[in-house]
Amino acid sequence: MKKKADIYRMVTPDHLCPWGIKALDLLKRNGFAVIDHHLETMEANEDYKKDHGVDETPQIFIEGERIGGYDALREHLSLGPDPKEGETYQPVVAIFAVTFLMALTTTWDMLGSLSIIRAAELFIAFSMCALGIQKLRDLKSYATGFVQYDLLAQRYVPYAYVYAFIEAGGGILMIAGLFSWIVAPIVLLASSVGAISVFKAVYVEKRDLKCACVGGDSSVPLGFISLTENLMMMAMAIWMLVQGL
């Protein structure tokens, strides 16, 4: 027979406790017969905590024995602590993976075959657009992170805001090869300063900073990925200039 588990969690018209949902899922996936008790108002939730001498919900009971909250349940099931957010390259890897596949499928649709050169062009342009969007969604937060290492932004703070538009706008125009004689030099200058700034901060000064490449709330460490972003932009800008000769 399945072991019986009771869970008391907050379920109101305005709020579904995410930890309660995760705890319920864990119990079901581990084969428990779950009785799901809803605390349907903020008052009911506060009363439950007060009456039972606990400071959080959800609260889980297995065969009548109180286990505790979500973290305690994971420990009881020998799953270890829930992975916490820390430094990760996942956001950048996700962007590069998707834009690379976009470049391949777009090239195939346009040419009826795969062209390495065209796919590389589109990959860099699409990546610039995607990274630009991440910066533009919260310009203030992005700029706060960017000025910590970019040499030009440290001398002229408004440039931190401009850079996001350079990257996104440059990517858009590079997709179609429009206005190369204007776009390429601007992108080349911005990315060159960016590459020097990252190299100085990471490899010379050895500072431990977060990269603003995917926005100001990024958990991506400043380092090789950040340098790669700038080097890709430099390569694309130089390629456009060569193509325009």
C-alpha atoms as a PDB file:
ATOM      1  CA  MET A   1       0.000   0.000   0.000  1.00  0.00           C
ATOM      2  CA  LYS A   2       1.073   3.540  -0.674  1.00  0.00           C
ATOM      3  CA  LYS A   3       2.223   5.585   2.280  1.00  0.00           C
ATOM      4  CA  LYS A   4      -0.158   8.374   3.222  1.00  0.00           C
ATOM      5  CA  ALA A   5       0.994  11.984   3.139  1.00  0.00           C
ATOM      6  CA  ASP A   6      -0.812  15.174   4.064  1.00  0.00           C
ATOM      7  CA  ILE A   7       0.221  18.565   2.782  1.00  0.00           C
ATOM      8  CA  TYR A   8      -1.066  21.904   4.009  1.00  0.00           C
ATOM      9  CA  ARG A   9      -0.351  24.608   1.453  1.00  0.00           C
ATOM     10  CA  MET A  10      -1.490  28.084   0.522  1.00  0.00           C
ATOM     11  CA  VAL A  11      -3.949  28.131  -2.374  1.00  0.00           C
ATOM     12  CA  THR A  12      -5.813  31.436  -2.687  1.00  0.00           C
ATOM     13  CA  PRO A  13      -7.405  33.235  -5.654  1.00  0.00           C
ATOM     14  CA  ASP A  14      -4.395  35.575  -5.678  1.00  0.00           C
ATOM     15  CA  HIS A  15      -1.529  33.263  -4.780  1.00  0.00           C
ATOM     16  CA  LEU A  16      -0.427  29.695  -5.361  1.00  0.00           C
ATOM     17  CA  CYS A  17       2.556  28.876  -3.181  1.00  0.00           C
ATOM     18  CA  PRO A  18       5.287  27.610  -5.556  1.00  0.00           C
ATOM     19  CA  TRP A  19       6.932  25.571  -2.793  1.00  0.00           C
ATOM     20  CA  GLY A  20       3.605  23.915  -2.098  1.00  0.00           C
ATOM     21  CA  ILE A  21       3.245  22.960  -5.754  1.00  0.00           C
ATOM     22  CA  LYS A  22       6.791  21.571  -5.824  1.00  0.00           C
ATOM     23  CA  ALA A  23       6.283  19.655  -2.587  1.00  0.00           C
ATOM     24  CA  LEU A  24       3.016  18.153  -3.860  1.00  0.00           C
ATOM     25  CA  ASP A  25       4.753  17.083  -7.055  1.00  0.00           C
ATOM     26  CA  LEU A  26       7.604  15.477  -5.107  1.00  0.00           C
ATOM     27  CA  LEU A  27       5.200  13.496  -2.968  1.00  0.00           C
ATOM     28  CA  LYS A  28       3.233  12.215  -5.949  1.00  0.00           C
ATOM     29  CA  ARG A  29       6.346  11.297  -7.925  1.00  0.00           C
ATOM     30  CA  ASN A  30       7.658   9.363  -4.945  1.00  0.00           C
ATOM     31  CA  GLY A  31       4.556   7.213  -4.719  1.00  0.00           C
ATOM     32  CA  PHE A  32       2.671   8.772  -1.792  1.00  0.00           C
ATOM     33  CA  ALA A  33      -1.107   8.841  -1.513  1.00  0.00           C
ATOM     34  CA  VAL A  34      -1.503  12.554  -0.923  1.00  0.00           C
ATOM     35  CA  ILE A  35      -4.305  14.377   0.840  1.00  0.00           C
ATOM     36  CA  ASP A  36      -4.013  17.986  -0.292  1.00  0.00           C
ATOM     37  CA  HIS A  37      -5.249  20.523   2.273  1.00  0.00           C
ATOM     38  CA  HIS A  38      -5.727  24.058   0.922  1.00  0.00           C
ATOM     39  CA  LEU A  39      -5.275  27.171   3.039  1.00  0.00           C
ATOM     40  CA  GLU A  40      -7.551  29.377   0.987  1.00  0.00           C
ATOM     41  CA  THR A  41      -6.953  32.820   2.516  1.00  0.00           C
ATOM     42  CA  MET A  42      -4.014  34.753   3.911  1.00  0.00           C
ATOM     43  CA  GLU A  43      -5.753  34.682   7.295  1.00  0.00           C
ATOM     44  CA  ALA A  44      -6.146  30.895   7.154  1.00  0.00           C
ATOM     45  CA  ASN A  45      -2.466  30.558   6.302  1.00  0.00           C
ATOM     46  CA  GLU A  46      -1.402  32.795   9.201  1.00  0.00           C
ATOM     47  CA  ASP A  47      -3.764  31.034  11.602  1.00  0.00           C
ATOM     48  CA  TYR A  48      -2.398  27.641  10.598  1.00  0.00           C
ATOM     49  CA  LYS A  49       1.201  28.735  11.247  1.00  0.00           C
ATOM     50  CA  LYS A  50       0.246  30.268  14.584  1.00  0.00           C
ATOM     51  CA  ASP A  51      -1.799  27.261  15.737  1.00  0.00           C
ATOM     52  CA  HIS A  52       0.920  24.756  14.820  1.00  0.00           C
ATOM     53  CA  GLY A  53       3.934  26.808  15.880  1.00  0.00           C
ATOM     54  CA  VAL A  54       5.551  26.901  12.451  1.00  0.00           C
ATOM     55  CA  ASP A  55       6.904  29.833  10.487  1.00  0.00           C
ATOM     56  CA  GLU A  56       6.226  28.606   6.972  1.00  0.00           C
ATOM     57  CA  THR A  57       3.910  26.670   4.736  1.00  0.00           C
ATOM     58  CA  PRO A  58       3.668  24.229   3.101  1.00  0.00           C
ATOM     59  CA  GLN A  59       3.808  21.714   5.929  1.00  0.00           C
ATOM     60  CA  ILE A  60       4.068  18.040   5.083  1.00  0.00           C
ATOM     61  CA  PHE A  61       3.094  15.046   7.217  1.00  0.00           C
ATOM     62  CA  ILE A  62       3.932  11.443   6.312  1.00  0.00           C
ATOM     63  CA  GLU A  63       1.983   8.734   8.134  1.00  0.00           C
ATOM     64  CA  GLY A  64       1.019  11.353  10.716  1.00  0.00           C
ATOM     65  CA  GLU A  65       4.612  12.441  11.388  1.00  0.00           C
ATOM     66  CA  ARG A  66       5.395  16.070  10.672  1.00  0.00           C
ATOM     67  CA  ILE A  67       8.230  16.362   8.195  1.00  0.00           C
ATOM     68  CA  GLY A  68       8.221  20.149   7.801  1.00  0.00           C
ATOM     69  CA  GLY A  69       8.451  22.333   4.726  1.00  0.00           C
ATOM     70  CA  TYR A  70       9.685  21.765   1.195  1.00  0.00           C
ATOM     71  CA  ASP A  71      13.397  21.695   2.070  1.00  0.00           C
ATOM     72  CA  ALA A  72      12.726  19.282   4.941  1.00  0.00           C
ATOM     73  CA  LEU A  73      10.788  17.031   2.552  1.00  0.00           C
ATOM     74  CA  ARG A  74      13.696  16.922   0.138  1.00  0.00           C
ATOM     75  CA  GLU A  75      16.001  15.990   3.011  1.00  0.00           C
ATOM     76  CA  HIS A  76      13.565  13.297   4.182  1.00  0.00           C
ATOM     77  CA  LEU A  77      13.497  11.812   0.686  1.00  0.00           C
ATOM     78  CA  SER A  78      17.321  11.908   0.533  1.00  0.00           C
ATOM     79  CA  LEU A  79      17.220  14.273  -2.437  1.00  0.00           C
ATOM     80  CA  GLY A  80      19.546  16.866  -0.989  1.00  0.00           C
ATOM     81  CA  PRO A  81      18.905  20.608  -0.970  1.00  0.00           C
ATOM     82  CA  ASP A  82      17.053  22.245  -3.824  1.00  0.00           C
ATOM     83  CA  PRO A  83      19.655  23.608  -6.266  1.00  0.00           C
ATOM     84  CA  LYS A  84      20.120  27.295  -5.559  1.00  0.00           C
ATOM     85  CA  GLU A  85      20.779  29.925  -8.181  1.00  0.00           C
ATOM     86  CA  GLY A  86      24.458  30.725  -8.503  1.00  0.00           C
ATOM     87  CA  GLU A  87      27.002  31.469 -11.164  1.00  0.00           C
ATOM     88  CA  THR A  88      26.021  29.771 -14.403  1.00  0.00           C
ATOM     89  CA  TYR A  89      26.598  30.067 -18.128  1.00  0.00           C
ATOM     90  CA  GLN A  90      23.169  28.585 -18.862  1.00  0.00           C
ATOM     91  CA  PRO A  91      21.546  31.847 -20.103  1.00  0.00           C
ATOM     92  CA  VAL A  92      24.304  32.469 -22.654  1.00  0.00           C
ATOM     93  CA  VAL A  93      24.493  28.822 -23.715  1.00  0.00           C
ATOM     94  CA  ALA A  94      20.730  28.830 -24.277  1.00  0.00           C
ATOM     95  CA  ILE A  95      20.907  31.979 -26.417  1.00  0.00           C
ATOM     96  CA  PHE A  96      23.833  30.738 -28.505  1.00  0.00           C
ATOM     97  CA  ALA A  97      22.275  27.298 -28.989  1.00  0.00           C
ATOM     98  CA  VAL A  98      18.935  28.700 -30.170  1.00  0.00           C
ATOM     99  CA  THR A  99      20.453  31.370 -32.425  1.00  0.00           C
ATOM    100  CA  PHE A 100      22.798  28.788 -33.959  1.00  0.00           C
ATOM    101  CA  LEU A 101      19.873  26.527 -34.840  1.00  0.00           C
ATOM    102  CA  MET A 102      17.925  29.547 -36.114  1.00  0.00           C
ATOM    103  CA  ALA A 103      20.852  30.426 -38.363  1.00  0.00           C
ATOM    104  CA  LEU A 104      21.000  26.888 -39.765  1.00  0.00           C
ATOM    105  CA  THR A 105      17.273  26.638 -40.491  1.00  0.00           C
ATOM    106  CA  THR A 106      17.109  30.153 -41.940  1.00  0.00           C
ATOM    107  CA  THR A 107      20.058  29.412 -44.234  1.00  0.00           C
ATOM    108  CA  TRP A 108      18.438  26.179 -45.367  1.00  0.00           C
ATOM    109  CA  ASP A 109      15.144  27.967 -46.064  1.00  0.00           C
ATOM    110  CA  MET A 110      16.831  30.805 -47.985  1.00  0.00           C
ATOM    111  CA  LEU A 111      19.308  28.773 -50.022  1.00  0.00           C
ATOM    112  CA  GLY A 112      17.890  25.265 -50.036  1.00  0.00           C
ATOM    113  CA  SER A 113      21.183  24.033 -48.601  1.00  0.00           C
ATOM    114  CA  LEU A 114      23.571  24.773 -45.778  1.00  0.00           C
ATOM    115  CA  SER A 115      26.126  27.514 -46.337  1.00  0.00           C
ATOM    116  CA  ILE A 116      28.684  27.686 -43.538  1.00  0.00           C
ATOM    117  CA  ILE A 117      29.505  31.317 -44.280  1.00  0.00           C
ATOM    118  CA  ARG A 118      25.902  32.497 -44.390  1.00  0.00           C
ATOM    119  CA  ALA A 119      24.998  30.436 -41.319  1.00  0.00           C
ATOM    120  CA  ALA A 120      27.920  31.991 -39.422  1.00  0.00           C
ATOM    121  CA  GLU A 121      26.823  35.495 -40.468  1.00  0.00           C
ATOM    122  CA  LEU A 122      23.277  34.885 -39.298  1.00  0.00           C
ATOM    123  CA  PHE A 123      24.396  33.170 -36.108  1.00  0.00           C
ATOM    124  CA  ILE A 124      26.389  36.213 -35.023  1.00  0.00           C
ATOM    125  CA  ALA A 125      23.670  38.661 -36.101  1.00  0.00           C
ATOM    126  CA  PHE A 126      20.912  36.672 -34.380  1.00  0.00           C
ATOM    127  CA  SER A 127      23.048  36.366 -31.240  1.00  0.00           C
ATOM    128  CA  MET A 128      23.604  40.121 -31.180  1.00  0.00           C
ATOM    129  CA  CYS A 129      19.853  40.697 -31.419  1.00  0.00           C
ATOM    130  CA  ALA A 130      19.065  38.187 -28.669  1.00  0.00           C
ATOM    131  CA  LEU A 131      21.742  39.555 -26.343  1.00  0.00           C
ATOM    132  CA  GLY A 132      20.606  43.096 -27.138  1.00  0.00           C
ATOM    133  CA  ILE A 133      17.047  42.219 -26.124  1.00  0.00           C
ATOM    134  CA  GLN A 134      18.303  40.926 -22.782  1.00  0.00           C
ATOM    135  CA  LYS A 135      20.001  44.247 -22.150  1.00  0.00           C
ATOM    136  CA  LEU A 136      17.093  46.389 -23.378  1.00  0.00           C
ATOM    137  CA  ARG A 137      14.497  44.704 -21.176  1.00  0.00           C
ATOM    138  CA  ASP A 138      15.999  46.454 -18.121  1.00  0.00           C
ATOM    139  CA  LEU A 139      18.394  49.150 -19.275  1.00  0.00           C
ATOM    140  CA  LYS A 140      19.006  50.652 -15.839  1.00  0.00           C
ATOM    141  CA  SER A 141      19.948  47.358 -14.236  1.00  0.00           C
ATOM    142  CA  TYR A 142      22.087  46.394 -17.245  1.00  0.00           C
ATOM    143  CA  ALA A 143      23.947  49.721 -17.220  1.00  0.00           C
ATOM    144  CA  THR A 144      24.721  49.350 -13.502  1.00  0.00           C
ATOM    145  CA  GLY A 145      26.512  46.089 -14.226  1.00  0.00           C
ATOM    146  CA  PHE A 146      28.157  47.269 -17.437  1.00  0.00           C
ATOM    147  CA  VAL A 147      29.850  50.344 -15.929  1.00  0.00           C
ATOM    148  CA  GLN A 148      31.692  48.120 -13.462  1.00  0.00           C
ATOM    149  CA  TYR A 149      34.063  46.891 -16.159  1.00  0.00           C
ATOM    150  CA  ASP A 150      33.588  48.691 -19.485  1.00  0.00           C
ATOM    151  CA  LEU A 151      36.322  51.308 -19.858  1.00  0.00           C
ATOM    152  CA  LEU A 152      34.323  53.696 -22.038  1.00  0.00           C
ATOM    153  CA  ALA A 153      31.180  53.472 -19.896  1.00  0.00           C
ATOM    154  CA  GLN A 154      33.259  54.296 -16.823  1.00  0.00           C
ATOM    155  CA  ARG A 155      34.340  57.559 -18.453  1.00  0.00           C
ATOM    156  CA  TYR A 156      30.923  58.364 -19.958  1.00  0.00           C
ATOM    157  CA  VAL A 157      28.062  56.568 -18.207  1.00  0.00           C
ATOM    158  CA  PRO A 158      25.345  57.225 -20.876  1.00  0.00           C
ATOM    159  CA  TYR A 159      27.382  55.036 -23.236  1.00  0.00           C
ATOM    160  CA  ALA A 160      26.293  52.043 -21.156  1.00  0.00           C
ATOM    161  CA  TYR A 161      22.744  52.642 -22.374  1.00  0.00           C
ATOM    162  CA  VAL A 162      23.851  53.300 -25.943  1.00  0.00           C
ATOM    163  CA  TYR A 163      25.789  50.037 -26.173  1.00  0.00           C
ATOM    164  CA  ALA A 164      22.606  47.957 -25.855  1.00  0.00           C
ATOM    165  CA  PHE A 165      21.128  49.767 -28.879  1.00  0.00           C
ATOM    166  CA  ILE A 166      24.364  49.378 -30.828  1.00  0.00           C
ATOM    167  CA  GLU A 167      24.326  45.623 -30.280  1.00  0.00           C
ATOM    168  CA  ALA A 168      20.641  45.053 -31.023  1.00  0.00           C
ATOM    169  CA  GLY A 169      20.483  47.549 -33.900  1.00  0.00           C
ATOM    170  CA  GLY A 170      23.734  46.303 -35.372  1.00  0.00           C
ATOM    171  CA  GLY A 171      22.437  42.738 -35.357  1.00  0.00           C
ATOM    172  CA  ILE A 172      19.192  43.751 -37.056  1.00  0.00           C
ATOM    173  CA  LEU A 173      20.942  45.613 -39.861  1.00  0.00           C
ATOM    174  CA  MET A 174      23.651  42.969 -40.235  1.00  0.00           C
ATOM    175  CA  ILE A 175      21.029  40.305 -40.978  1.00  0.00           C
ATOM    176  CA  ALA A 176      20.283  42.021 -44.279  1.00  0.00           C
ATOM    177  CA  GLY A 177      23.676  43.680 -44.723  1.00  0.00           C
ATOM    178  CA  LEU A 178      22.141  47.156 -44.616  1.00  0.00           C
ATOM    179  CA  PHE A 179      24.199  50.328 -44.117  1.00  0.00           C
ATOM    180  CA  SER A 180      27.380  48.305 -43.610  1.00  0.00           C
ATOM    181  CA  TRP A 181      29.599  51.345 -44.094  1.00  0.00           C
ATOM    182  CA  ILE A 182      28.013  52.947 -40.995  1.00  0.00           C
ATOM    183  CA  VAL A 183      27.094  49.910 -38.891  1.00  0.00           C
ATOM    184  CA  ALA A 184      30.336  47.951 -39.176  1.00  0.00           C
ATOM    185  CA  PRO A 185      32.710  50.688 -37.885  1.00  0.00           C
ATOM    186  CA  ILE A 186      30.408  51.491 -34.941  1.00  0.00           C
ATOM    187  CA  VAL A 187      30.056  47.841 -33.962  1.00  0.00           C
ATOM    188  CA  LEU A 188      33.790  47.282 -34.427  1.00  0.00           C
ATOM    189  CA  LEU A 189      34.644  50.188 -32.126  1.00  0.00           C
ATOM    190  CA  ALA A 190      32.137  49.192 -29.436  1.00  0.00           C
ATOM    191  CA  SER A 191      33.119  45.516 -29.455  1.00  0.00           C
ATOM    192  CA  SER A 192      36.857  46.304 -29.471  1.00  0.00           C
ATOM    193  CA  VAL A 193      36.496  48.484 -26.385  1.00  0.00           C
ATOM    194  CA  GLY A 194      34.353  45.744 -24.842  1.00  0.00           C
ATOM    195  CA  ALA A 195      36.928  43.041 -25.523  1.00  0.00           C
ATOM    196  CA  ILE A 196      39.757  45.141 -24.060  1.00  0.00           C
ATOM    197  CA  SER A 197      37.615  45.982 -21.018  1.00  0.00           C
ATOM    198  CA  VAL A 198      36.746  42.358 -20.301  1.00  0.00           C
ATOM    199  CA  PHE A 199      40.332  41.206 -20.795  1.00  0.00           C
ATOM    200  CA  LYS A 200      41.610  43.910 -18.440  1.00  0.00           C
ATOM    201  CA  ALA A 201      39.006  43.239 -15.732  1.00  0.00           C
ATOM    202  CA  VAL A 202      39.225  39.449 -15.809  1.00  0.00           C
ATOM    203  CA  TYR A 203      42.721  38.490 -16.900  1.00  0.00           C
ATOM    204  CA  VAL A 204      44.795  41.474 -15.779  1.00  0.00           C
ATOM    205  CA  GLU A 205      43.014  42.754 -12.666  1.00  0.00           C
ATOM    206  CA  LYS A 206      41.447  39.324 -11.916  1.00  0.00           C
ATOM    207  CA  ARG A 207      38.221  40.882 -10.666  1.00  0.00           C
ATOM    208  CA  ASP A 208      35.255  38.667  -9.752  1.00  0.00           C
ATOM    209  CA  LEU A 209      32.336  40.295 -11.576  1.00  0.00           C
ATOM    210  CA  LYS A 210      29.037  39.306 -13.145  1.00  0.00           C
ATOM    211  CA  CYS A 211      28.680  39.763 -16.895  1.00  0.00           C
ATOM    212  CA  ALA A 212      26.019  42.214 -18.067  1.00  0.00           C
ATOM    213  CA  CYS A 213      25.821  40.404 -21.422  1.00  0.00           C
ATOM    214  CA  VAL A 214      22.387  38.947 -20.627  1.00  0.00           C
ATOM    215  CA  GLY A 215      21.140  41.851 -18.523  1.00  0.00           C
ATOM    216  CA  GLY A 216      21.770  43.422 -15.162  1.00  0.00           C
ATOM    217  CA  ASP A 217      20.330  40.575 -13.074  1.00  0.00           C
ATOM    218  CA  SER A 218      22.702  38.106 -14.701  1.00  0.00           C
ATOM    219  CA  SER A 219      24.304  35.253 -12.793  1.00  0.00           C
ATOM    220  CA  VAL A 220      26.796  34.721 -15.637  1.00  0.00           C
ATOM    221  CA  PRO A 221      30.379  35.287 -14.484  1.00  0.00           C
ATOM    222  CA  LEU A 222      32.443  37.795 -16.419  1.00  0.00           C
ATOM    223  CA  GLY A 223      35.037  35.870 -18.365  1.00  0.00           C
ATOM    224  CA  PHE A 224      35.594  33.869 -21.532  1.00  0.00           C
ATOM    225  CA  ILE A 225      31.943  33.971 -22.659  1.00  0.00           C
ATOM    226  CA  SER A 226      31.870  37.760 -22.344  1.00  0.00           C
ATOM    227  CA  LEU A 227      35.086  38.029 -24.321  1.00  0.00           C
ATOM    228  CA  THR A 228      33.669  35.685 -26.965  1.00  0.00           C
ATOM    229  CA  GLU A 229      30.610  37.913 -27.400  1.00  0.00           C
ATOM    230  CA  ASN A 230      32.826  40.887 -28.215  1.00  0.00           C
ATOM    231  CA  LEU A 231      35.166  38.898 -30.444  1.00  0.00           C
ATOM    232  CA  MET A 232      32.182  37.605 -32.444  1.00  0.00           C
ATOM    233  CA  MET A 233      30.934  41.147 -32.955  1.00  0.00           C
ATOM    234  CA  MET A 234      34.406  42.272 -34.007  1.00  0.00           C
ATOM    235  CA  ALA A 235      34.662  39.430 -36.506  1.00  0.00           C
ATOM    236  CA  MET A 236      31.263  40.224 -37.982  1.00  0.00           C
ATOM    237  CA  ALA A 237      32.065  43.929 -38.286  1.00  0.00           C
ATOM    238  CA  ILE A 238      35.406  43.225 -40.010  1.00  0.00           C
ATOM    239  CA  TRP A 239      33.722  40.731 -42.332  1.00  0.00           C
ATOM    240  CA  MET A 240      31.104  43.317 -43.326  1.00  0.00           C
ATOM    241  CA  LEU A 241      33.819  45.870 -44.034  1.00  0.00           C
ATOM    242  CA  VAL A 242      35.712  43.376 -46.191  1.00  0.00           C
ATOM    243  CA  GLN A 243      32.542  42.437 -48.049  1.00  0.00           C
ATOM    244  CA  GLY A 244      31.886  46.100 -48.750  1.00  0.00           C
ATOM    245  CA  LEU A 245      35.268  46.684 -50.376  1.00  0.00           C
END
